[in-house]
Structure formats: C-alpha cells, structure tokens
N, C-alpha and C. Protein backbone atom coordinates (compact mmCIF):
# COMPACT_ATOMS: atom_id res chain seq x y z
N UNK A 1 -30.64 -25.83 15.25
CA UNK A 1 -30.38 -25.18 13.95
C UNK A 1 -30.02 -23.73 14.17
N UNK A 2 -28.97 -23.30 13.53
CA UNK A 2 -28.48 -21.94 13.63
C UNK A 2 -28.69 -21.20 12.36
N UNK A 3 -29.24 -20.02 12.42
CA UNK A 3 -29.46 -19.24 11.22
C UNK A 3 -28.47 -18.09 11.23
N UNK A 4 -27.67 -17.96 10.21
CA UNK A 4 -26.72 -16.85 10.13
C UNK A 4 -27.21 -15.86 9.05
N UNK A 5 -26.84 -14.64 9.22
CA UNK A 5 -27.21 -13.60 8.29
C UNK A 5 -26.27 -13.66 7.12
N UNK A 6 -26.76 -13.55 5.91
CA UNK A 6 -25.94 -13.55 4.70
C UNK A 6 -25.04 -12.31 4.70
N UNK A 7 -23.84 -12.50 4.21
CA UNK A 7 -22.88 -11.42 4.13
C UNK A 7 -23.08 -10.59 2.87
N UNK A 8 -22.81 -9.32 2.94
CA UNK A 8 -22.85 -8.48 1.76
C UNK A 8 -21.56 -8.67 0.97
N UNK A 9 -21.55 -8.27 -0.29
CA UNK A 9 -20.29 -8.39 -1.06
C UNK A 9 -19.09 -7.70 -0.40
N UNK A 10 -19.31 -6.54 0.16
CA UNK A 10 -18.18 -5.84 0.84
C UNK A 10 -17.72 -6.63 2.05
N UNK A 11 -18.63 -7.25 2.78
CA UNK A 11 -18.25 -8.06 3.92
C UNK A 11 -17.45 -9.31 3.50
N UNK A 12 -17.83 -9.88 2.38
CA UNK A 12 -17.09 -11.03 1.86
C UNK A 12 -15.69 -10.60 1.46
N UNK A 13 -15.56 -9.46 0.81
CA UNK A 13 -14.24 -8.97 0.39
C UNK A 13 -13.35 -8.69 1.62
N UNK A 14 -13.97 -8.34 2.75
CA UNK A 14 -13.21 -7.96 3.96
C UNK A 14 -12.77 -9.21 4.77
N UNK A 15 -13.23 -10.39 4.38
CA UNK A 15 -12.85 -11.63 5.11
C UNK A 15 -11.35 -11.89 5.02
N UNK A 16 -10.83 -12.64 5.96
CA UNK A 16 -9.41 -13.02 5.88
C UNK A 16 -9.19 -14.02 4.74
N UNK A 17 -7.95 -14.28 4.41
CA UNK A 17 -7.63 -15.16 3.27
C UNK A 17 -8.23 -16.56 3.44
N UNK A 18 -8.25 -17.09 4.64
CA UNK A 18 -8.86 -18.41 4.92
C UNK A 18 -9.99 -18.15 5.94
N UNK A 19 -11.16 -18.63 5.61
CA UNK A 19 -12.31 -18.39 6.48
C UNK A 19 -12.82 -19.71 7.05
N UNK A 20 -13.51 -19.59 8.18
CA UNK A 20 -14.09 -20.78 8.80
C UNK A 20 -15.44 -21.14 8.17
N UNK A 21 -16.00 -22.22 8.68
CA UNK A 21 -17.27 -22.71 8.12
C UNK A 21 -18.39 -21.70 8.19
N UNK A 22 -18.57 -21.13 9.37
CA UNK A 22 -19.72 -20.21 9.55
C UNK A 22 -19.64 -19.01 8.63
N UNK A 23 -18.41 -18.49 8.46
CA UNK A 23 -18.24 -17.34 7.55
C UNK A 23 -18.48 -17.75 6.10
N UNK A 24 -18.00 -18.92 5.72
CA UNK A 24 -18.24 -19.40 4.33
C UNK A 24 -19.71 -19.62 4.08
N UNK A 25 -20.39 -20.24 5.05
CA UNK A 25 -21.81 -20.48 4.89
C UNK A 25 -22.59 -19.15 4.78
N UNK A 26 -22.19 -18.17 5.59
CA UNK A 26 -22.85 -16.85 5.53
C UNK A 26 -22.57 -16.15 4.20
N UNK A 27 -21.37 -16.31 3.68
CA UNK A 27 -21.04 -15.72 2.39
C UNK A 27 -21.88 -16.29 1.29
N UNK A 28 -22.18 -17.59 1.40
CA UNK A 28 -23.01 -18.27 0.39
C UNK A 28 -24.50 -18.23 0.70
N UNK A 29 -24.84 -17.60 1.81
CA UNK A 29 -26.24 -17.46 2.25
C UNK A 29 -26.92 -18.83 2.42
N UNK A 30 -26.17 -19.77 3.06
CA UNK A 30 -26.76 -21.04 3.39
C UNK A 30 -26.60 -21.29 4.87
N UNK A 31 -27.43 -22.15 5.45
CA UNK A 31 -27.37 -22.47 6.85
C UNK A 31 -26.30 -23.45 7.13
N UNK A 32 -26.01 -23.61 8.45
CA UNK A 32 -24.97 -24.56 8.85
C UNK A 32 -25.33 -26.00 8.51
N UNK A 33 -26.58 -26.38 8.71
CA UNK A 33 -26.99 -27.74 8.43
C UNK A 33 -26.75 -28.11 6.99
N UNK A 34 -27.22 -27.27 6.06
CA UNK A 34 -27.00 -27.49 4.63
C UNK A 34 -25.51 -27.47 4.30
N UNK A 35 -24.79 -26.52 4.86
CA UNK A 35 -23.38 -26.41 4.60
C UNK A 35 -22.60 -27.66 4.96
N UNK A 36 -22.84 -28.20 6.13
CA UNK A 36 -22.17 -29.43 6.56
C UNK A 36 -22.65 -30.64 5.76
N UNK A 37 -23.91 -30.67 5.39
CA UNK A 37 -24.40 -31.78 4.53
C UNK A 37 -23.69 -31.75 3.18
N UNK A 38 -23.49 -30.57 2.60
CA UNK A 38 -22.80 -30.45 1.31
C UNK A 38 -21.34 -30.87 1.45
N UNK A 39 -20.70 -30.52 2.53
CA UNK A 39 -19.33 -30.91 2.75
C UNK A 39 -19.21 -32.44 2.85
N UNK A 40 -20.08 -33.03 3.66
CA UNK A 40 -20.06 -34.51 3.85
C UNK A 40 -20.35 -35.24 2.54
N UNK A 41 -21.20 -34.68 1.73
CA UNK A 41 -21.56 -35.31 0.44
C UNK A 41 -20.51 -35.03 -0.65
N UNK A 42 -19.52 -34.18 -0.34
CA UNK A 42 -18.52 -33.83 -1.33
C UNK A 42 -19.08 -32.89 -2.41
N UNK A 43 -20.14 -32.20 -2.07
CA UNK A 43 -20.83 -31.33 -3.04
C UNK A 43 -20.71 -29.86 -2.75
N UNK A 44 -19.85 -29.47 -1.79
CA UNK A 44 -19.70 -28.05 -1.47
C UNK A 44 -19.19 -27.35 -2.73
N UNK A 45 -19.72 -26.17 -3.06
CA UNK A 45 -19.39 -25.54 -4.34
C UNK A 45 -17.96 -25.05 -4.48
N UNK A 46 -17.20 -24.96 -3.40
CA UNK A 46 -15.81 -24.54 -3.47
C UNK A 46 -14.96 -25.57 -2.76
N UNK A 47 -13.65 -25.51 -2.96
CA UNK A 47 -12.76 -26.46 -2.34
C UNK A 47 -12.78 -26.33 -0.80
N UNK A 48 -12.84 -27.44 -0.12
CA UNK A 48 -12.85 -27.48 1.33
C UNK A 48 -11.44 -27.91 1.80
N UNK A 49 -10.86 -27.14 2.69
CA UNK A 49 -9.55 -27.51 3.24
C UNK A 49 -9.79 -28.01 4.65
N UNK A 50 -9.48 -29.26 4.90
CA UNK A 50 -9.73 -29.84 6.20
C UNK A 50 -8.44 -29.79 7.04
N UNK A 51 -8.56 -29.18 8.22
CA UNK A 51 -7.45 -29.08 9.14
C UNK A 51 -7.89 -29.73 10.45
N UNK A 52 -7.57 -31.00 10.57
CA UNK A 52 -8.04 -31.79 11.73
C UNK A 52 -9.56 -31.91 11.62
N UNK A 53 -10.26 -31.42 12.64
CA UNK A 53 -11.73 -31.47 12.62
C UNK A 53 -12.34 -30.21 12.04
N UNK A 54 -11.51 -29.21 11.76
CA UNK A 54 -11.98 -27.90 11.25
C UNK A 54 -11.94 -27.87 9.73
N UNK A 55 -12.87 -27.10 9.17
CA UNK A 55 -12.90 -26.88 7.76
C UNK A 55 -12.52 -25.42 7.50
N UNK A 56 -11.76 -25.19 6.47
CA UNK A 56 -11.40 -23.84 6.07
C UNK A 56 -11.64 -23.69 4.58
N UNK A 57 -11.87 -22.46 4.17
CA UNK A 57 -12.21 -22.17 2.79
C UNK A 57 -11.40 -20.95 2.36
N UNK A 58 -10.93 -20.93 1.12
CA UNK A 58 -10.15 -19.80 0.60
C UNK A 58 -11.12 -18.67 0.21
N UNK A 59 -10.80 -17.46 0.66
CA UNK A 59 -11.58 -16.31 0.27
C UNK A 59 -11.62 -16.11 -1.23
N UNK A 60 -10.47 -16.37 -1.88
CA UNK A 60 -10.38 -16.25 -3.34
C UNK A 60 -11.39 -17.18 -4.02
N UNK A 61 -11.58 -18.37 -3.48
CA UNK A 61 -12.55 -19.30 -4.06
C UNK A 61 -13.98 -18.80 -3.88
N UNK A 62 -14.24 -18.25 -2.69
CA UNK A 62 -15.57 -17.66 -2.45
C UNK A 62 -15.85 -16.51 -3.39
N UNK A 63 -14.87 -15.64 -3.55
CA UNK A 63 -15.04 -14.47 -4.43
C UNK A 63 -15.30 -14.92 -5.84
N UNK A 64 -14.55 -15.93 -6.30
CA UNK A 64 -14.69 -16.42 -7.67
C UNK A 64 -16.05 -17.04 -7.86
N UNK A 65 -16.49 -17.84 -6.92
CA UNK A 65 -17.78 -18.53 -7.01
C UNK A 65 -18.89 -17.51 -7.05
N UNK A 66 -18.79 -16.45 -6.25
CA UNK A 66 -19.82 -15.43 -6.15
C UNK A 66 -19.74 -14.39 -7.28
N UNK A 67 -18.67 -14.48 -8.06
CA UNK A 67 -18.49 -13.50 -9.15
C UNK A 67 -18.09 -12.13 -8.68
N UNK A 68 -17.37 -12.10 -7.57
CA UNK A 68 -16.92 -10.81 -6.99
C UNK A 68 -15.43 -10.63 -7.29
N UNK A 69 -14.99 -9.42 -7.40
CA UNK A 69 -13.58 -9.15 -7.56
C UNK A 69 -12.95 -8.93 -6.21
N UNK A 70 -11.63 -9.07 -6.14
CA UNK A 70 -10.93 -8.86 -4.88
C UNK A 70 -11.03 -7.43 -4.37
N UNK A 71 -11.06 -6.50 -5.27
CA UNK A 71 -11.15 -5.10 -4.86
C UNK A 71 -12.61 -4.65 -4.94
N UNK A 72 -12.97 -3.72 -4.13
CA UNK A 72 -14.29 -3.20 -4.10
C UNK A 72 -14.57 -2.39 -5.32
N UNK A 73 -15.69 -2.57 -5.94
CA UNK A 73 -16.21 -1.80 -7.06
C UNK A 73 -15.11 -1.07 -7.85
N UNK A 74 -14.47 -1.82 -8.72
CA UNK A 74 -13.42 -1.23 -9.53
C UNK A 74 -13.92 -0.06 -10.37
N UNK A 75 -15.18 -0.03 -10.69
CA UNK A 75 -15.76 1.03 -11.49
C UNK A 75 -15.75 2.34 -10.73
N UNK A 76 -15.78 2.28 -9.39
CA UNK A 76 -15.78 3.50 -8.59
C UNK A 76 -14.40 4.16 -8.55
N UNK A 77 -13.39 3.38 -8.74
CA UNK A 77 -12.04 3.92 -8.72
C UNK A 77 -11.67 4.37 -10.13
N UNK A 78 -11.41 5.63 -10.24
CA UNK A 78 -11.09 6.18 -11.54
C UNK A 78 -9.64 6.66 -11.52
N UNK A 79 -8.94 6.36 -12.58
CA UNK A 79 -7.54 6.80 -12.66
C UNK A 79 -7.53 8.27 -13.07
N UNK A 80 -6.46 8.94 -12.70
CA UNK A 80 -6.32 10.36 -13.02
C UNK A 80 -6.17 10.54 -14.54
N UNK A 81 -6.72 11.59 -15.09
CA UNK A 81 -6.59 11.77 -16.55
C UNK A 81 -5.15 11.98 -16.92
N UNK A 82 -4.79 11.53 -18.09
CA UNK A 82 -3.42 11.66 -18.58
C UNK A 82 -3.21 13.03 -19.19
N UNK A 83 -2.74 13.93 -18.32
CA UNK A 83 -2.45 15.28 -18.75
C UNK A 83 -1.04 15.65 -18.31
N UNK A 84 -0.46 16.64 -18.95
CA UNK A 84 0.88 17.06 -18.61
C UNK A 84 0.77 18.24 -17.67
N UNK A 85 1.50 18.17 -16.61
CA UNK A 85 1.54 19.28 -15.65
C UNK A 85 2.85 20.02 -15.84
N UNK A 86 2.77 21.23 -16.39
CA UNK A 86 3.98 21.98 -16.71
C UNK A 86 4.81 22.29 -15.46
N UNK A 87 4.20 22.33 -14.28
CA UNK A 87 4.91 22.65 -13.08
C UNK A 87 5.55 21.42 -12.44
N UNK A 88 5.31 20.25 -12.94
CA UNK A 88 5.85 19.04 -12.33
C UNK A 88 7.28 18.82 -12.72
N UNK A 89 8.11 18.38 -11.79
CA UNK A 89 9.50 18.11 -12.15
C UNK A 89 9.59 16.85 -13.00
N UNK A 90 10.64 16.75 -13.75
CA UNK A 90 10.80 15.57 -14.59
C UNK A 90 11.26 15.94 -15.97
N UNK A 91 11.20 15.02 -16.87
CA UNK A 91 11.64 15.27 -18.24
C UNK A 91 10.59 16.08 -18.98
N UNK A 92 11.01 17.17 -19.57
CA UNK A 92 10.13 17.99 -20.33
C UNK A 92 10.00 17.43 -21.75
N UNK A 93 8.83 17.55 -22.33
CA UNK A 93 8.66 17.05 -23.72
C UNK A 93 9.68 17.74 -24.64
N UNK A 94 10.32 16.93 -25.47
CA UNK A 94 11.28 17.47 -26.44
C UNK A 94 12.70 17.61 -25.88
N UNK A 95 12.88 17.35 -24.58
CA UNK A 95 14.20 17.49 -24.00
C UNK A 95 15.05 16.32 -24.41
N UNK A 96 16.36 16.59 -24.64
CA UNK A 96 17.23 15.48 -25.06
C UNK A 96 17.36 14.46 -23.91
N UNK A 97 17.49 13.20 -24.28
CA UNK A 97 17.65 12.17 -23.24
C UNK A 97 19.08 11.67 -23.26
N UNK A 98 19.57 11.21 -22.11
CA UNK A 98 20.92 10.69 -22.04
C UNK A 98 20.90 9.29 -22.63
N UNK A 99 21.97 9.00 -23.41
CA UNK A 99 22.11 7.66 -23.98
C UNK A 99 23.51 7.20 -23.68
N UNK A 100 23.63 5.95 -23.35
CA UNK A 100 24.98 5.41 -23.08
C UNK A 100 25.64 5.13 -24.41
N UNK A 101 26.98 5.21 -24.36
CA UNK A 101 27.78 4.96 -25.56
C UNK A 101 27.67 3.49 -25.95
N UNK A 102 27.61 3.19 -27.25
CA UNK A 102 27.54 1.80 -27.66
C UNK A 102 28.79 1.06 -27.24
N UNK A 103 28.64 -0.19 -26.86
CA UNK A 103 29.77 -1.00 -26.49
C UNK A 103 30.08 -2.04 -27.54
N UNK A 104 31.33 -2.42 -27.61
CA UNK A 104 31.73 -3.43 -28.59
C UNK A 104 31.82 -4.79 -27.93
N UNK A 105 31.33 -5.77 -28.58
CA UNK A 105 31.44 -7.13 -28.06
C UNK A 105 32.83 -7.64 -28.30
N UNK A 106 33.41 -8.27 -27.29
CA UNK A 106 34.76 -8.81 -27.46
C UNK A 106 34.70 -10.14 -28.21
N UNK A 107 35.78 -10.40 -28.97
CA UNK A 107 35.77 -11.58 -29.81
C UNK A 107 36.32 -12.75 -29.09
C-alpha cells in the first residue's frame, strides 16, 4: 500500500493538462488502492481516460470537482483603477474622431 501526500490547491492548479493516476489520487486526497477500486467499479468522481493500461485524468475535471478555478486566487489579482492619465498618449477626451464617409449601396 502506498500513501501519497494530498496536493494543495496551488499544486493542483500547477498540474499539466492531463495527469496520471498518482497525481489525480493525490489531488483528491485518496490512496492508490481506493483510487483503483473506484476506477474498476466505474465510480471514480471524474472522467477516466484510458490509454492502453494507463489511466489519465483531465486537470480541468479535477479543478471543477474540487471547486477550484484555473487561475490562482482571482481575488488577489486586482485590476488597475479606471482613471485617466493626462500624460498618456492616445485620444484625448472631447477630441474629434475620424469618421469614414458614408457609402452608397449599388442597385
């Protein structure tokens, strides 16, 4: 019997797109014995992709099952406040914009 250490949410997010059995079991904090029993019983909580004798699992399925987002803590990432920078190049407020001349549809 092999005991693997459960993965943290950040470690799960860092996994490749397709993960092997041991990584999937660690992400779900279950042992290999239980993991393989669930696969054989058709009761594994996410879709199992069988490639020959190997099993693969989609990281997106793991993230969804665990209730994790693809990106790390979206709340930590804050967008810049919407302010106008007078020194920035670009269209100044109130400046006229270029418009193309209207075209006529041919009959």
